[in-house]
Amino acid sequence: MPLLDSVLLNTRSSQPFRKFPNELLLLLPIVPGRATFRNLGRYMMYVEKTFRRWFRRQVN
């Protein structure tokens, strides 16, 4: 996802912060049903609590 990479590289963010949205956007079209944190945790290497933490963060 070149557009997402170019946007995230221009921000002062850590490598995990740049990696998470990229993986999330690749996973969303694949997940069946609603995209809840619990459901995403079933199909991704992150657990539900990790999703809650990342979505709580504010982004400039």
N, C-alpha and C. Protein backbone atom coordinates (compact mmCIF):
# COMPACT_ATOMS: atom_id res chain seq x y z
N MET A 1 0.83 -1.17 0.00
CA MET A 1 0.00 0.00 0.00
C MET A 1 0.88 1.25 0.00
N PRO A 2 1.30 1.68 -1.17
CA PRO A 2 2.25 2.78 -1.26
C PRO A 2 1.71 4.10 -0.68
N LEU A 3 0.42 4.38 -0.86
CA LEU A 3 -0.12 5.63 -0.33
C LEU A 3 -0.07 5.65 1.19
N LEU A 4 -0.49 4.58 1.82
CA LEU A 4 -0.45 4.50 3.28
C LEU A 4 0.98 4.59 3.79
N ASP A 5 1.90 3.92 3.13
CA ASP A 5 3.31 3.96 3.54
C ASP A 5 3.86 5.37 3.45
N SER A 6 3.53 6.09 2.39
CA SER A 6 4.05 7.45 2.25
C SER A 6 3.48 8.38 3.30
N VAL A 7 2.22 8.19 3.68
CA VAL A 7 1.61 9.03 4.72
C VAL A 7 2.23 8.72 6.07
N LEU A 8 2.39 7.45 6.38
CA LEU A 8 2.93 7.07 7.69
C LEU A 8 4.41 7.39 7.82
N LEU A 9 5.15 7.39 6.74
CA LEU A 9 6.57 7.73 6.81
C LEU A 9 6.78 9.21 7.09
N ASN A 10 5.83 10.04 6.71
CA ASN A 10 5.95 11.47 6.95
C ASN A 10 5.62 11.85 8.38
N THR A 11 5.01 10.97 9.13
CA THR A 11 4.70 11.24 10.53
C THR A 11 5.83 10.74 11.41
N ARG A 12 5.94 11.30 12.56
CA ARG A 12 6.95 10.84 13.52
C ARG A 12 6.35 9.72 14.35
N SER A 13 6.42 8.55 13.83
CA SER A 13 5.82 7.41 14.52
C SER A 13 6.80 6.24 14.52
N SER A 14 6.58 5.34 15.46
CA SER A 14 7.45 4.18 15.59
C SER A 14 7.12 3.14 14.52
N GLN A 15 7.99 2.18 14.38
CA GLN A 15 7.80 1.14 13.38
C GLN A 15 6.56 0.30 13.66
N PRO A 16 6.27 -0.08 14.92
CA PRO A 16 5.03 -0.84 15.15
C PRO A 16 3.78 -0.03 14.81
N PHE A 17 3.84 1.28 15.02
CA PHE A 17 2.69 2.13 14.69
C PHE A 17 2.46 2.17 13.20
N ARG A 18 3.52 2.09 12.41
CA ARG A 18 3.38 2.07 10.95
C ARG A 18 2.95 0.69 10.46
N LYS A 19 3.31 -0.34 11.17
CA LYS A 19 3.01 -1.71 10.76
C LYS A 19 1.55 -2.09 11.01
N PHE A 20 1.01 -1.65 12.15
CA PHE A 20 -0.34 -2.04 12.55
C PHE A 20 -1.42 -1.63 11.54
N PRO A 21 -1.52 -0.35 11.12
CA PRO A 21 -2.58 0.00 10.16
C PRO A 21 -2.45 -0.72 8.83
N ASN A 22 -1.22 -0.95 8.42
CA ASN A 22 -0.99 -1.65 7.16
C ASN A 22 -1.56 -3.07 7.22
N GLU A 23 -1.27 -3.78 8.30
CA GLU A 23 -1.80 -5.14 8.45
C GLU A 23 -3.31 -5.13 8.63
N LEU A 24 -3.82 -4.15 9.33
CA LEU A 24 -5.27 -4.06 9.56
C LEU A 24 -6.02 -3.84 8.25
N LEU A 25 -5.53 -2.97 7.41
CA LEU A 25 -6.21 -2.70 6.14
C LEU A 25 -6.14 -3.88 5.18
N LEU A 26 -5.11 -4.69 5.31
CA LEU A 26 -5.03 -5.90 4.49
C LEU A 26 -6.00 -6.97 4.99
N LEU A 27 -6.29 -6.96 6.28
CA LEU A 27 -7.14 -7.99 6.87
C LEU A 27 -8.63 -7.69 6.74
N LEU A 28 -9.02 -6.43 6.77
CA LEU A 28 -10.45 -6.07 6.80
C LEU A 28 -11.28 -6.69 5.68
N PRO A 29 -10.83 -6.72 4.44
CA PRO A 29 -11.67 -7.35 3.40
C PRO A 29 -11.81 -8.87 3.55
N ILE A 30 -10.94 -9.48 4.31
CA ILE A 30 -10.93 -10.94 4.44
C ILE A 30 -11.83 -11.42 5.56
N VAL A 31 -11.99 -10.63 6.61
CA VAL A 31 -12.73 -11.05 7.80
C VAL A 31 -14.21 -11.19 7.50
N PRO A 32 -14.78 -12.35 7.78
CA PRO A 32 -16.23 -12.52 7.57
C PRO A 32 -17.02 -11.89 8.71
N GLY A 33 -18.18 -11.37 8.40
CA GLY A 33 -19.04 -10.78 9.43
C GLY A 33 -18.60 -9.38 9.80
N ARG A 34 -19.00 -8.98 11.00
CA ARG A 34 -18.68 -7.64 11.47
C ARG A 34 -17.22 -7.55 11.89
N ALA A 35 -16.65 -6.38 11.72
CA ALA A 35 -15.24 -6.16 12.07
C ALA A 35 -15.13 -5.62 13.49
N THR A 36 -15.46 -6.47 14.47
CA THR A 36 -15.29 -6.10 15.87
C THR A 36 -13.87 -6.44 16.30
N PHE A 37 -13.44 -5.89 17.42
CA PHE A 37 -12.09 -6.17 17.90
C PHE A 37 -11.91 -7.65 18.19
N ARG A 38 -12.92 -8.28 18.75
CA ARG A 38 -12.83 -9.71 19.06
C ARG A 38 -12.73 -10.53 17.78
N ASN A 39 -13.52 -10.18 16.78
CA ASN A 39 -13.50 -10.91 15.52
C ASN A 39 -12.17 -10.69 14.79
N LEU A 40 -11.65 -9.49 14.82
CA LEU A 40 -10.35 -9.23 14.19
C LEU A 40 -9.24 -10.01 14.89
N GLY A 41 -9.35 -10.14 16.21
CA GLY A 41 -8.36 -10.89 16.96
C GLY A 41 -8.32 -12.37 16.59
N ARG A 42 -9.41 -12.88 16.08
CA ARG A 42 -9.42 -14.29 15.66
C ARG A 42 -8.62 -14.53 14.40
N TYR A 43 -8.55 -13.53 13.55
CA TYR A 43 -7.91 -13.70 12.24
C TYR A 43 -6.57 -12.99 12.12
N MET A 44 -6.10 -12.38 13.17
CA MET A 44 -4.84 -11.64 13.13
C MET A 44 -3.97 -12.07 14.30
N MET A 45 -2.71 -11.75 14.25
CA MET A 45 -1.82 -12.18 15.31
C MET A 45 -1.96 -11.34 16.58
N TYR A 46 -2.74 -10.25 16.52
CA TYR A 46 -2.97 -9.41 17.69
C TYR A 46 -4.22 -9.89 18.43
N VAL A 47 -4.27 -9.63 19.73
CA VAL A 47 -5.43 -10.00 20.53
C VAL A 47 -6.37 -8.79 20.65
N GLU A 48 -7.55 -9.02 21.19
CA GLU A 48 -8.57 -7.98 21.29
C GLU A 48 -8.07 -6.76 22.06
N LYS A 49 -7.34 -6.97 23.12
CA LYS A 49 -6.84 -5.87 23.95
C LYS A 49 -5.87 -4.98 23.17
N THR A 50 -5.09 -5.56 22.30
CA THR A 50 -4.16 -4.79 21.47
C THR A 50 -4.92 -3.86 20.54
N PHE A 51 -6.00 -4.35 19.96
CA PHE A 51 -6.81 -3.50 19.10
C PHE A 51 -7.38 -2.33 19.88
N ARG A 52 -7.86 -2.57 21.08
CA ARG A 52 -8.42 -1.49 21.90
C ARG A 52 -7.36 -0.44 22.20
N ARG A 53 -6.15 -0.87 22.50
CA ARG A 53 -5.07 0.08 22.80
C ARG A 53 -4.71 0.93 21.58
N TRP A 54 -4.58 0.28 20.42
CA TRP A 54 -4.19 1.01 19.23
C TRP A 54 -5.28 1.98 18.78
N PHE A 55 -6.54 1.61 18.90
CA PHE A 55 -7.62 2.48 18.47
C PHE A 55 -7.87 3.61 19.48
N ARG A 56 -7.40 3.48 20.70
CA ARG A 56 -7.53 4.54 21.69
C ARG A 56 -6.54 5.67 21.42
N ARG A 57 -5.43 5.38 20.76
CA ARG A 57 -4.40 6.39 20.48
C ARG A 57 -4.88 7.46 19.54
N GLN A 58 -4.38 8.66 19.75
CA GLN A 58 -4.69 9.77 18.85
C GLN A 58 -3.56 9.92 17.84
N VAL A 59 -3.93 10.30 16.63
CA VAL A 59 -2.97 10.47 15.55
C VAL A 59 -3.05 11.91 15.06
N ASN A 60 -1.90 12.50 14.82
CA ASN A 60 -1.90 13.87 14.28
C ASN A 60 -2.34 13.87 12.84
